[in-house]
């Protein structure tokens, strides 16, 4: 028996509406902001969801170090790494100093979560 139709990932952050706006813009998904420190993004078909939970005293993960572990990260599949890099930087991401591969690039979102752009 299936319990849920689709999984949802939840990211802790210092400002849920702002981080939802960042990823909503990057992915072209709709942003929904609650008044309880929670925000969601979904594509037009609504079959996926990424949620953002506002947390007091939020501490950004340290990558590649593990003093504050990343706990999870998003891999965003793209056709062109250079174009995707320009797009996420324009929207407020930061490129990580350490780039350990050639088929993906590591960035930090505005709240400090690592995420990767990966060649599709």
N, C-alpha and C. Protein backbone atom coordinates (compact mmCIF):
# COMPACT_ATOMS: atom_id res chain seq x y z
N UNK A 1 0.84 -1.18 0.00
CA UNK A 1 0.00 0.00 0.00
C UNK A 1 0.89 1.24 0.00
N UNK A 2 0.59 2.18 -0.88
CA UNK A 2 1.30 3.45 -0.93
C UNK A 2 0.72 4.41 0.09
N UNK A 3 1.60 5.06 0.83
CA UNK A 3 1.14 6.00 1.84
C UNK A 3 0.99 7.40 1.27
N UNK A 4 1.91 7.83 0.40
CA UNK A 4 1.88 9.18 -0.14
C UNK A 4 2.03 9.14 -1.65
N UNK A 5 1.48 10.13 -2.31
CA UNK A 5 1.55 10.21 -3.76
C UNK A 5 2.92 10.67 -4.23
N UNK A 6 3.58 11.50 -3.44
CA UNK A 6 4.89 12.00 -3.81
C UNK A 6 5.63 12.42 -2.54
N UNK A 7 6.95 12.37 -2.56
CA UNK A 7 7.71 12.79 -1.39
C UNK A 7 7.85 14.31 -1.35
N UNK A 8 8.06 14.83 -0.17
CA UNK A 8 8.35 16.24 0.01
C UNK A 8 9.62 16.35 0.83
N UNK A 9 10.50 17.22 0.43
CA UNK A 9 11.72 17.49 1.17
C UNK A 9 11.50 18.78 1.94
N UNK A 10 11.95 18.84 3.18
CA UNK A 10 11.80 20.04 3.99
C UNK A 10 13.19 20.55 4.38
N UNK A 11 13.45 21.82 4.13
CA UNK A 11 14.71 22.45 4.48
C UNK A 11 14.49 23.43 5.63
N UNK A 12 15.26 23.29 6.71
CA UNK A 12 15.26 24.31 7.76
C UNK A 12 16.00 25.53 7.22
N UNK A 13 15.58 26.72 7.66
CA UNK A 13 16.21 27.94 7.17
C UNK A 13 15.85 29.12 8.07
N UNK A 14 16.56 30.24 7.93
CA UNK A 14 16.26 31.41 8.76
C UNK A 14 15.08 32.22 8.25
N UNK A 15 14.75 32.12 6.95
CA UNK A 15 13.68 32.91 6.35
C UNK A 15 12.98 32.06 5.29
N UNK A 16 11.91 31.38 5.68
CA UNK A 16 11.22 30.44 4.78
C UNK A 16 10.71 31.09 3.50
N UNK A 17 10.03 32.25 3.55
CA UNK A 17 9.55 32.85 2.30
C UNK A 17 10.69 33.22 1.35
N UNK A 18 11.79 33.72 1.89
CA UNK A 18 12.91 34.12 1.02
C UNK A 18 13.56 32.92 0.35
N UNK A 19 13.76 31.83 1.09
CA UNK A 19 14.39 30.66 0.49
C UNK A 19 13.44 29.98 -0.50
N UNK A 20 12.15 29.97 -0.19
CA UNK A 20 11.16 29.43 -1.13
C UNK A 20 11.17 30.25 -2.42
N UNK A 21 11.27 31.56 -2.30
CA UNK A 21 11.31 32.43 -3.48
C UNK A 21 12.55 32.13 -4.33
N UNK A 22 13.70 31.90 -3.67
CA UNK A 22 14.94 31.57 -4.39
C UNK A 22 14.75 30.29 -5.21
N UNK A 23 14.35 29.20 -4.54
CA UNK A 23 14.22 27.92 -5.25
C UNK A 23 13.03 27.93 -6.22
N UNK A 24 11.95 28.62 -5.87
CA UNK A 24 10.83 28.74 -6.79
C UNK A 24 11.26 29.40 -8.09
N UNK A 25 12.08 30.44 -7.98
CA UNK A 25 12.59 31.14 -9.17
C UNK A 25 13.56 30.26 -9.95
N UNK A 26 14.47 29.59 -9.25
CA UNK A 26 15.45 28.72 -9.92
C UNK A 26 14.75 27.59 -10.69
N UNK A 27 13.72 26.99 -10.08
CA UNK A 27 13.05 25.84 -10.70
C UNK A 27 11.82 26.21 -11.53
N UNK A 28 11.38 27.46 -11.45
CA UNK A 28 10.17 27.86 -12.16
C UNK A 28 8.91 27.28 -11.54
N UNK A 29 8.92 27.06 -10.22
CA UNK A 29 7.79 26.47 -9.51
C UNK A 29 7.01 27.56 -8.78
N UNK A 30 5.77 27.25 -8.45
CA UNK A 30 4.89 28.18 -7.73
C UNK A 30 5.25 28.19 -6.24
N UNK A 31 5.23 29.38 -5.66
CA UNK A 31 5.56 29.56 -4.25
C UNK A 31 4.28 29.80 -3.46
N UNK A 32 4.16 29.11 -2.34
CA UNK A 32 3.04 29.29 -1.43
C UNK A 32 3.60 29.55 -0.04
N UNK A 33 3.25 30.69 0.54
CA UNK A 33 3.80 31.08 1.85
C UNK A 33 2.68 31.09 2.88
N UNK A 34 2.90 30.37 3.97
CA UNK A 34 1.96 30.39 5.08
C UNK A 34 2.35 31.48 6.06
N UNK A 35 1.52 31.72 7.04
CA UNK A 35 1.85 32.74 8.03
C UNK A 35 2.38 32.10 9.32
N UNK A 36 2.88 30.88 9.18
CA UNK A 36 3.38 30.15 10.34
C UNK A 36 4.85 29.78 10.22
N UNK A 37 5.62 30.56 9.43
CA UNK A 37 7.04 30.26 9.26
C UNK A 37 7.28 29.08 8.34
N UNK A 38 6.37 28.84 7.42
CA UNK A 38 6.44 27.70 6.52
C UNK A 38 6.16 28.18 5.10
N UNK A 39 6.84 27.63 4.11
CA UNK A 39 6.57 27.95 2.71
C UNK A 39 6.81 26.69 1.88
N UNK A 40 6.12 26.58 0.75
CA UNK A 40 6.24 25.45 -0.16
C UNK A 40 6.45 25.95 -1.57
N UNK A 41 7.11 25.13 -2.37
CA UNK A 41 7.14 25.36 -3.82
C UNK A 41 6.68 24.08 -4.51
N UNK A 42 5.96 24.25 -5.61
CA UNK A 42 5.44 23.12 -6.39
C UNK A 42 5.44 23.47 -7.87
N UNK A 43 5.66 22.46 -8.73
CA UNK A 43 5.52 22.70 -10.16
C UNK A 43 4.03 22.84 -10.51
N UNK A 44 3.76 23.24 -11.74
CA UNK A 44 2.38 23.42 -12.19
C UNK A 44 1.51 22.20 -11.93
N UNK A 45 2.05 20.99 -12.16
CA UNK A 45 1.22 19.78 -11.98
C UNK A 45 1.03 19.41 -10.51
N UNK A 46 1.75 20.07 -9.60
CA UNK A 46 1.58 19.84 -8.18
C UNK A 46 2.06 18.50 -7.67
N UNK A 47 2.76 17.73 -8.51
CA UNK A 47 3.15 16.37 -8.13
C UNK A 47 4.43 16.28 -7.32
N UNK A 48 5.06 17.38 -7.03
CA UNK A 48 6.26 17.40 -6.20
C UNK A 48 6.15 18.59 -5.26
N UNK A 49 6.95 18.56 -4.22
CA UNK A 49 6.92 19.67 -3.27
C UNK A 49 8.26 19.75 -2.55
N UNK A 50 8.74 20.97 -2.39
CA UNK A 50 9.86 21.24 -1.50
C UNK A 50 9.32 22.26 -0.50
N UNK A 51 9.50 21.97 0.77
CA UNK A 51 9.00 22.86 1.82
C UNK A 51 10.16 23.50 2.56
N UNK A 52 9.88 24.65 3.15
CA UNK A 52 10.88 25.42 3.88
C UNK A 52 10.30 25.78 5.23
N UNK A 53 11.02 25.42 6.28
CA UNK A 53 10.57 25.63 7.66
C UNK A 53 11.50 26.64 8.33
N UNK A 54 10.92 27.74 8.78
CA UNK A 54 11.70 28.77 9.45
C UNK A 54 12.08 28.30 10.84
N UNK A 55 13.38 28.43 11.19
CA UNK A 55 13.90 27.93 12.45
C UNK A 55 14.66 29.05 13.17
N UNK A 56 14.32 29.25 14.43
CA UNK A 56 15.07 30.21 15.24
C UNK A 56 16.48 29.69 15.46
N UNK A 57 17.42 30.59 15.55
CA UNK A 57 18.82 30.24 15.80
C UNK A 57 19.37 29.27 14.75
N UNK A 58 18.90 29.41 13.52
CA UNK A 58 19.37 28.56 12.42
C UNK A 58 20.88 28.70 12.26
N UNK A 59 21.54 27.58 12.07
CA UNK A 59 22.98 27.56 11.77
C UNK A 59 23.16 26.89 10.42
N UNK A 60 23.76 27.62 9.49
CA UNK A 60 23.98 27.08 8.15
C UNK A 60 24.94 25.91 8.19
N UNK A 61 24.72 24.90 7.34
CA UNK A 61 25.65 23.79 7.26
C UNK A 61 27.03 24.26 6.80
N UNK A 62 28.04 23.52 7.16
CA UNK A 62 29.39 23.80 6.68
C UNK A 62 29.76 22.73 5.66
N UNK A 63 30.11 23.16 4.49
CA UNK A 63 30.50 22.22 3.45
C UNK A 63 31.82 22.68 2.87
N UNK A 64 32.80 21.85 2.73
CA UNK A 64 32.76 20.41 2.87
C UNK A 64 32.98 19.92 4.30
N UNK A 65 33.26 20.81 5.24
CA UNK A 65 33.45 20.40 6.63
C UNK A 65 32.17 19.84 7.22
N UNK A 66 32.27 19.22 8.37
CA UNK A 66 31.10 18.62 8.99
C UNK A 66 30.87 19.12 10.42
N UNK A 67 31.44 20.28 10.78
CA UNK A 67 31.19 20.83 12.11
C UNK A 67 29.69 21.08 12.29
N UNK A 68 29.05 21.55 11.24
CA UNK A 68 27.58 21.65 11.18
C UNK A 68 27.20 20.87 9.93
N UNK A 69 26.78 19.61 10.05
CA UNK A 69 26.55 18.75 8.89
C UNK A 69 25.46 19.27 7.96
N UNK A 70 25.62 18.96 6.67
CA UNK A 70 24.62 19.40 5.69
C UNK A 70 23.33 18.61 5.81
N UNK A 71 23.38 17.39 6.28
CA UNK A 71 22.23 16.52 6.52
C UNK A 71 21.49 16.12 5.25
N UNK A 72 21.37 16.97 4.27
CA UNK A 72 20.77 16.64 2.98
C UNK A 72 21.13 17.75 2.01
N UNK A 73 21.02 17.47 0.73
CA UNK A 73 21.19 18.53 -0.26
C UNK A 73 20.39 18.18 -1.49
N UNK A 74 20.15 19.17 -2.33
CA UNK A 74 19.41 18.97 -3.57
C UNK A 74 20.39 18.87 -4.73
N UNK A 75 20.13 17.93 -5.64
CA UNK A 75 20.83 17.86 -6.92
C UNK A 75 19.83 18.32 -7.98
N UNK A 76 20.14 19.40 -8.66
CA UNK A 76 19.27 19.93 -9.70
C UNK A 76 19.86 19.54 -11.06
N UNK A 77 19.12 18.77 -11.83
CA UNK A 77 19.59 18.28 -13.12
C UNK A 77 19.41 19.39 -14.17
N UNK A 78 20.50 19.68 -14.91
CA UNK A 78 20.48 20.75 -15.91
C UNK A 78 21.09 20.26 -17.22
N UNK A 79 20.77 20.93 -18.29
CA UNK A 79 21.35 20.58 -19.60
C UNK A 79 22.70 21.26 -19.84
N UNK A 80 22.86 22.49 -19.31
CA UNK A 80 24.07 23.26 -19.55
C UNK A 80 24.56 23.84 -18.22
N UNK A 81 25.71 23.37 -17.74
CA UNK A 81 26.23 23.82 -16.45
C UNK A 81 26.54 25.31 -16.42
N UNK A 82 27.13 25.83 -17.49
CA UNK A 82 27.51 27.25 -17.50
C UNK A 82 26.28 28.15 -17.43
N UNK A 83 25.26 27.84 -18.21
CA UNK A 83 24.04 28.65 -18.18
C UNK A 83 23.35 28.54 -16.82
N UNK A 84 23.27 27.33 -16.28
CA UNK A 84 22.62 27.13 -14.99
C UNK A 84 23.39 27.83 -13.87
N UNK A 85 24.72 27.79 -13.96
CA UNK A 85 25.53 28.48 -12.96
C UNK A 85 25.23 29.97 -12.97
N UNK A 86 25.22 30.57 -14.14
CA UNK A 86 24.93 32.01 -14.24
C UNK A 86 23.56 32.33 -13.65
N UNK A 87 22.60 31.46 -13.92
CA UNK A 87 21.23 31.70 -13.45
C UNK A 87 21.13 31.63 -11.93
N UNK A 88 21.77 30.63 -11.29
CA UNK A 88 21.65 30.53 -9.83
C UNK A 88 22.45 31.62 -9.13
N UNK A 89 23.59 32.01 -9.70
CA UNK A 89 24.37 33.10 -9.11
C UNK A 89 23.59 34.41 -9.18
N UNK A 90 22.92 34.64 -10.29
CA UNK A 90 22.10 35.84 -10.46
C UNK A 90 20.98 35.90 -9.42
N UNK A 91 20.51 34.76 -9.00
CA UNK A 91 19.39 34.68 -8.04
C UNK A 91 19.84 34.67 -6.58
N UNK A 92 21.16 34.70 -6.34
CA UNK A 92 21.63 34.82 -4.96
C UNK A 92 22.43 33.66 -4.42
N UNK A 93 22.69 32.63 -5.23
CA UNK A 93 23.53 31.51 -4.79
C UNK A 93 25.00 31.95 -4.77
N UNK A 94 25.80 31.17 -4.06
CA UNK A 94 27.25 31.38 -4.02
C UNK A 94 27.91 30.09 -4.47
N UNK A 95 28.92 30.20 -5.33
CA UNK A 95 29.64 29.01 -5.77
C UNK A 95 30.60 28.57 -4.66
N UNK A 96 30.55 27.30 -4.30
CA UNK A 96 31.44 26.77 -3.26
C UNK A 96 32.88 26.79 -3.75
N UNK A 97 33.80 27.03 -2.82
CA UNK A 97 35.23 27.03 -3.17
C UNK A 97 35.67 25.68 -3.71
N UNK A 98 35.31 24.62 -3.01
CA UNK A 98 35.70 23.27 -3.42
C UNK A 98 34.74 22.75 -4.48
N UNK A 99 35.28 22.36 -5.62
CA UNK A 99 34.51 21.78 -6.72
C UNK A 99 35.11 20.41 -7.03
N UNK A 100 34.59 19.34 -6.40
CA UNK A 100 35.24 18.03 -6.47
C UNK A 100 34.98 17.22 -7.74
N UNK A 101 34.14 17.70 -8.65
CA UNK A 101 33.83 16.89 -9.83
C UNK A 101 33.82 17.72 -11.09
N UNK A 102 33.58 17.07 -12.22
CA UNK A 102 33.51 17.78 -13.50
C UNK A 102 32.12 17.72 -14.13
N UNK A 103 31.27 16.82 -13.66
CA UNK A 103 29.92 16.70 -14.22
C UNK A 103 28.88 17.37 -13.32
N UNK A 104 29.35 18.05 -12.28
CA UNK A 104 28.46 18.77 -11.38
C UNK A 104 29.22 19.93 -10.75
N UNK A 105 28.46 20.90 -10.24
CA UNK A 105 29.05 22.04 -9.54
C UNK A 105 28.28 22.25 -8.24
N UNK A 106 29.02 22.64 -7.21
CA UNK A 106 28.44 22.80 -5.88
C UNK A 106 28.24 24.30 -5.59
N UNK A 107 27.06 24.61 -5.06
CA UNK A 107 26.72 25.99 -4.70
C UNK A 107 26.12 25.99 -3.30
N UNK A 108 26.01 27.19 -2.74
CA UNK A 108 25.32 27.39 -1.47
C UNK A 108 24.13 28.29 -1.75
N UNK A 109 22.95 27.89 -1.28
CA UNK A 109 21.78 28.74 -1.46
C UNK A 109 21.88 29.93 -0.50
N UNK A 110 20.96 30.90 -0.57
CA UNK A 110 21.06 32.08 0.29
C UNK A 110 21.06 31.78 1.79
N UNK A 111 20.57 30.60 2.20
CA UNK A 111 20.61 30.23 3.62
C UNK A 111 21.82 29.37 3.96
N UNK A 112 22.68 29.08 2.99
CA UNK A 112 23.90 28.32 3.23
C UNK A 112 23.81 26.83 2.98
N UNK A 113 22.66 26.32 2.50
CA UNK A 113 22.55 24.89 2.19
C UNK A 113 23.32 24.58 0.91
N UNK A 114 24.16 23.55 0.92
CA UNK A 114 24.79 23.14 -0.33
C UNK A 114 23.75 22.53 -1.28
N UNK A 115 23.90 22.81 -2.56
CA UNK A 115 23.12 22.13 -3.60
C UNK A 115 24.01 22.01 -4.82
N UNK A 116 23.70 21.05 -5.67
CA UNK A 116 24.52 20.80 -6.85
C UNK A 116 23.72 21.01 -8.12
N UNK A 117 24.38 21.54 -9.12
CA UNK A 117 23.87 21.51 -10.48
C UNK A 117 24.59 20.36 -11.15
N UNK A 118 23.83 19.44 -11.71
CA UNK A 118 24.39 18.21 -12.30
C UNK A 118 23.99 18.13 -13.76
N UNK A 119 24.92 17.68 -14.61
CA UNK A 119 24.62 17.50 -16.03
C UNK A 119 23.59 16.39 -16.15
N UNK A 120 22.54 16.68 -16.88
CA UNK A 120 21.42 15.75 -17.06
C UNK A 120 21.81 14.59 -17.94
